[in-house]
Amino acid sequence: FADFRHLDPEKEILYLVNCGAHTPWFATRTDDVESNLDKVSLDKQA
């Protein structure tokens, strides 16, 4: 089971992720992992 998140036709990549598992890359859209993770926060789920 996966959720559709993003389609990049130029790179021919289809991003399918588990529900709630947004990739940190989308936080800043850079390849700098530390920069991306600085913008990510985890919240409690019901």
PDB file of N, CA and C in Angstrom:
ATOM      1  N   PHE A   1       0.837  -1.174   0.000  1.00  0.00           N
ATOM      2  CA  PHE A   1       0.000   0.000   0.000  1.00  0.00           C
ATOM      3  C   PHE A   1       0.879   1.233   0.000  1.00  0.00           C
ATOM      4  N   ALA A   2       0.556   2.196  -0.836  1.00  0.00           N
ATOM      5  CA  ALA A   2       1.344   3.427  -0.899  1.00  0.00           C
ATOM      6  C   ALA A   2       0.463   4.577  -1.361  1.00  0.00           C
ATOM      7  N   ASP A   3       0.885   5.769  -1.004  1.00  0.00           N
ATOM      8  CA  ASP A   3       0.203   6.986  -1.435  1.00  0.00           C
ATOM      9  C   ASP A   3       1.016   7.651  -2.530  1.00  0.00           C
ATOM     10  N   PHE A   4       0.341   8.145  -3.543  1.00  0.00           N
ATOM     11  CA  PHE A   4       1.012   8.908  -4.587  1.00  0.00           C
ATOM     12  C   PHE A   4       1.419  10.256  -4.014  1.00  0.00           C
ATOM     13  N   ARG A   5       2.694  10.629  -4.151  1.00  0.00           N
ATOM     14  CA  ARG A   5       3.159  11.902  -3.616  1.00  0.00           C
ATOM     15  C   ARG A   5       3.623  12.857  -4.708  1.00  0.00           C
ATOM     16  N   HIS A   6       4.334  12.350  -5.695  1.00  0.00           N
ATOM     17  CA  HIS A   6       4.935  13.258  -6.662  1.00  0.00           C
ATOM     18  C   HIS A   6       5.306  12.489  -7.926  1.00  0.00           C
ATOM     19  N   LEU A   7       5.158  13.141  -9.050  1.00  0.00           N
ATOM     20  CA  LEU A   7       5.590  12.582 -10.327  1.00  0.00           C
ATOM     21  C   LEU A   7       6.553  13.571 -10.949  1.00  0.00           C
ATOM     22  N   ASP A   8       7.761  13.120 -11.241  1.00  0.00           N
ATOM     23  CA  ASP A   8       8.766  13.960 -11.879  1.00  0.00           C
ATOM     24  C   ASP A   8       9.004  13.416 -13.281  1.00  0.00           C
ATOM     25  N   PRO A   9       8.308  13.968 -14.282  1.00  0.00           N
ATOM     26  CA  PRO A   9       8.426  13.428 -15.633  1.00  0.00           C
ATOM     27  C   PRO A   9       9.813  13.613 -16.245  1.00  0.00           C
ATOM     28  N   GLU A  10      10.524  14.657 -15.846  1.00  0.00           N
ATOM     29  CA  GLU A  10      11.866  14.872 -16.396  1.00  0.00           C
ATOM     30  C   GLU A  10      12.831  13.780 -15.953  1.00  0.00           C
ATOM     31  N   LYS A  11      12.734  13.386 -14.694  1.00  0.00           N
ATOM     32  CA  LYS A  11      13.618  12.343 -14.161  1.00  0.00           C
ATOM     33  C   LYS A  11      12.988  10.959 -14.255  1.00  0.00           C
ATOM     34  N   GLU A  12      11.738  10.917 -14.730  1.00  0.00           N
ATOM     35  CA  GLU A  12      10.996   9.666 -14.840  1.00  0.00           C
ATOM     36  C   GLU A  12      10.928   8.944 -13.491  1.00  0.00           C
ATOM     37  N   ILE A  13      10.569   9.703 -12.459  1.00  0.00           N
ATOM     38  CA  ILE A  13      10.456   9.153 -11.110  1.00  0.00           C
ATOM     39  C   ILE A  13       9.033   9.356 -10.610  1.00  0.00           C
ATOM     40  N   LEU A  14       8.456   8.302 -10.094  1.00  0.00           N
ATOM     41  CA  LEU A  14       7.151   8.347  -9.453  1.00  0.00           C
ATOM     42  C   LEU A  14       7.380   8.051  -7.974  1.00  0.00           C
ATOM     43  N   TYR A  15       7.019   8.994  -7.114  1.00  0.00           N
ATOM     44  CA  TYR A  15       7.219   8.831  -5.683  1.00  0.00           C
ATOM     45  C   TYR A  15       5.961   8.241  -5.055  1.00  0.00           C
ATOM     46  N   LEU A  16       6.084   7.053  -4.520  1.00  0.00           N
ATOM     47  CA  LEU A  16       5.012   6.391  -3.781  1.00  0.00           C
ATOM     48  C   LEU A  16       5.529   6.166  -2.368  1.00  0.00           C
ATOM     49  N   VAL A  17       4.839   6.701  -1.380  1.00  0.00           N
ATOM     50  CA  VAL A  17       5.312   6.578  -0.006  1.00  0.00           C
ATOM     51  C   VAL A  17       4.211   6.016   0.877  1.00  0.00           C
ATOM     52  N   ASN A  18       4.610   5.512   2.012  1.00  0.00           N
ATOM     53  CA  ASN A  18       3.661   5.011   2.990  1.00  0.00           C
ATOM     54  C   ASN A  18       2.901   6.192   3.582  1.00  0.00           C
ATOM     55  N   CYS A  19       1.663   5.987   3.925  1.00  0.00           N
ATOM     56  CA  CYS A  19       0.823   7.036   4.488  1.00  0.00           C
ATOM     57  C   CYS A  19       1.542   7.731   5.644  1.00  0.00           C
ATOM     58  N   GLY A  20       1.666   9.043   5.571  1.00  0.00           N
ATOM     59  CA  GLY A  20       2.319   9.812   6.621  1.00  0.00           C
ATOM     60  C   GLY A  20       3.824   9.850   6.529  1.00  0.00           C
ATOM     61  N   ALA A  21       4.402   9.208   5.552  1.00  0.00           N
ATOM     62  CA  ALA A  21       5.858   9.153   5.440  1.00  0.00           C
ATOM     63  C   ALA A  21       6.366  10.107   4.368  1.00  0.00           C
ATOM     64  N   HIS A  22       6.048  11.366   4.519  1.00  0.00           N
ATOM     65  CA  HIS A  22       6.519  12.350   3.542  1.00  0.00           C
ATOM     66  C   HIS A  22       8.038  12.416   3.614  1.00  0.00           C
ATOM     67  N   THR A  23       8.669  12.399   2.480  1.00  0.00           N
ATOM     68  CA  THR A  23      10.123  12.437   2.475  1.00  0.00           C
ATOM     69  C   THR A  23      10.622  13.803   2.907  1.00  0.00           C
ATOM     70  N   PRO A  24      11.691  13.849   3.718  1.00  0.00           N
ATOM     71  CA  PRO A  24      12.226  15.136   4.157  1.00  0.00           C
ATOM     72  C   PRO A  24      12.692  16.016   3.001  1.00  0.00           C
ATOM     73  N   TRP A  25      12.972  15.426   1.860  1.00  0.00           N
ATOM     74  CA  TRP A  25      13.421  16.220   0.712  1.00  0.00           C
ATOM     75  C   TRP A  25      12.435  17.334   0.391  1.00  0.00           C
ATOM     76  N   PHE A  26      11.152  17.081   0.543  1.00  0.00           N
ATOM     77  CA  PHE A  26      10.152  18.086   0.202  1.00  0.00           C
ATOM     78  C   PHE A  26      10.181  19.290   1.142  1.00  0.00           C
ATOM     79  N   ALA A  27      10.864  19.188   2.271  1.00  0.00           N
ATOM     80  CA  ALA A  27      10.929  20.318   3.200  1.00  0.00           C
ATOM     81  C   ALA A  27      11.650  21.505   2.572  1.00  0.00           C
ATOM     82  N   THR A  28      12.763  21.241   1.883  1.00  0.00           N
ATOM     83  CA  THR A  28      13.518  22.328   1.238  1.00  0.00           C
ATOM     84  C   THR A  28      13.862  22.025  -0.212  1.00  0.00           C
ATOM     85  N   ARG A  29      13.570  20.804  -0.634  1.00  0.00           N
ATOM     86  CA  ARG A  29      13.851  20.364  -2.002  1.00  0.00           C
ATOM     87  C   ARG A  29      15.326  20.498  -2.376  1.00  0.00           C
ATOM     88  N   THR A  30      16.178  20.129  -1.434  1.00  0.00           N
ATOM     89  CA  THR A  30      17.608  20.111  -1.707  1.00  0.00           C
ATOM     90  C   THR A  30      18.146  18.725  -1.381  1.00  0.00           C
ATOM     91  N   ASP A  31      19.371  18.467  -1.812  1.00  0.00           N
ATOM     92  CA  ASP A  31      20.016  17.197  -1.501  1.00  0.00           C
ATOM     93  C   ASP A  31      20.789  17.258  -0.184  1.00  0.00           C
ATOM     94  N   ASP A  32      20.694  18.386   0.523  1.00  0.00           N
ATOM     95  CA  ASP A  32      21.344  18.548   1.822  1.00  0.00           C
ATOM     96  C   ASP A  32      20.414  17.996   2.903  1.00  0.00           C
ATOM     97  N   VAL A  33      20.699  16.780   3.340  1.00  0.00           N
ATOM     98  CA  VAL A  33      19.817  16.077   4.269  1.00  0.00           C
ATOM     99  C   VAL A  33      19.637  16.854   5.568  1.00  0.00           C
ATOM    100  N   GLU A  34      20.716  17.394   6.116  1.00  0.00           N
ATOM    101  CA  GLU A  34      20.612  18.129   7.380  1.00  0.00           C
ATOM    102  C   GLU A  34      19.729  19.358   7.232  1.00  0.00           C
ATOM    103  N   SER A  35      19.843  20.042   6.122  1.00  0.00           N
ATOM    104  CA  SER A  35      18.999  21.212   5.869  1.00  0.00           C
ATOM    105  C   SER A  35      17.534  20.805   5.807  1.00  0.00           C
ATOM    106  N   ASN A  36      17.258  19.701   5.150  1.00  0.00           N
ATOM    107  CA  ASN A  36      15.884  19.213   5.042  1.00  0.00           C
ATOM    108  C   ASN A  36      15.324  18.834   6.407  1.00  0.00           C
ATOM    109  N   LEU A  37      16.108  18.091   7.179  1.00  0.00           N
ATOM    110  CA  LEU A  37      15.626  17.615   8.474  1.00  0.00           C
ATOM    111  C   LEU A  37      15.423  18.749   9.471  1.00  0.00           C
ATOM    112  N   ASP A  38      16.162  19.860   9.307  1.00  0.00           N
ATOM    113  CA  ASP A  38      15.959  21.021  10.178  1.00  0.00           C
ATOM    114  C   ASP A  38      14.551  21.585  10.040  1.00  0.00           C
ATOM    115  N   LYS A  39      13.909  21.347   8.909  1.00  0.00           N
ATOM    116  CA  LYS A  39      12.575  21.888   8.643  1.00  0.00           C
ATOM    117  C   LYS A  39      11.451  20.899   8.943  1.00  0.00           C
ATOM    118  N   VAL A  40      11.805  19.698   9.408  1.00  0.00           N
ATOM    119  CA  VAL A  40      10.819  18.645   9.650  1.00  0.00           C
ATOM    120  C   VAL A  40      10.497  18.564  11.139  1.00  0.00           C
ATOM    121  N   SER A  41       9.230  18.425  11.454  1.00  0.00           N
ATOM    122  CA  SER A  41       8.827  18.202  12.845  1.00  0.00           C
ATOM    123  C   SER A  41       7.881  17.005  12.894  1.00  0.00           C
ATOM    124  N   LEU A  42       7.914  16.309  14.002  1.00  0.00           N
ATOM    125  CA  LEU A  42       7.048  15.148  14.194  1.00  0.00           C
ATOM    126  C   LEU A  42       5.957  15.517  15.182  1.00  0.00           C
ATOM    127  N   ASP A  43       4.735  15.194  14.848  1.00  0.00           N
ATOM    128  CA  ASP A  43       3.598  15.475  15.710  1.00  0.00           C
ATOM    129  C   ASP A  43       2.906  14.175  16.092  1.00  0.00           C
ATOM    130  N   LYS A  44       2.245  14.189  17.231  1.00  0.00           N
ATOM    131  CA  LYS A  44       1.468  13.026  17.658  1.00  0.00           C
ATOM    132  C   LYS A  44       0.294  12.819  16.712  1.00  0.00           C
ATOM    133  N   GLN A  45      -0.037  11.577  16.495  1.00  0.00           N
ATOM    134  CA  GLN A  45      -1.177  11.230  15.654  1.00  0.00           C
ATOM    135  C   GLN A  45      -2.255  10.591  16.517  1.00  0.00           C
ATOM    136  N   ALA A  46      -3.478  10.840  16.162  1.00  0.00           N
ATOM    137  CA  ALA A  46      -4.599  10.282  16.931  1.00  0.00           C
ATOM    138  C   ALA A  46      -4.697   8.797  16.740  1.00  0.00           C
TER     139      ALA A  46
END
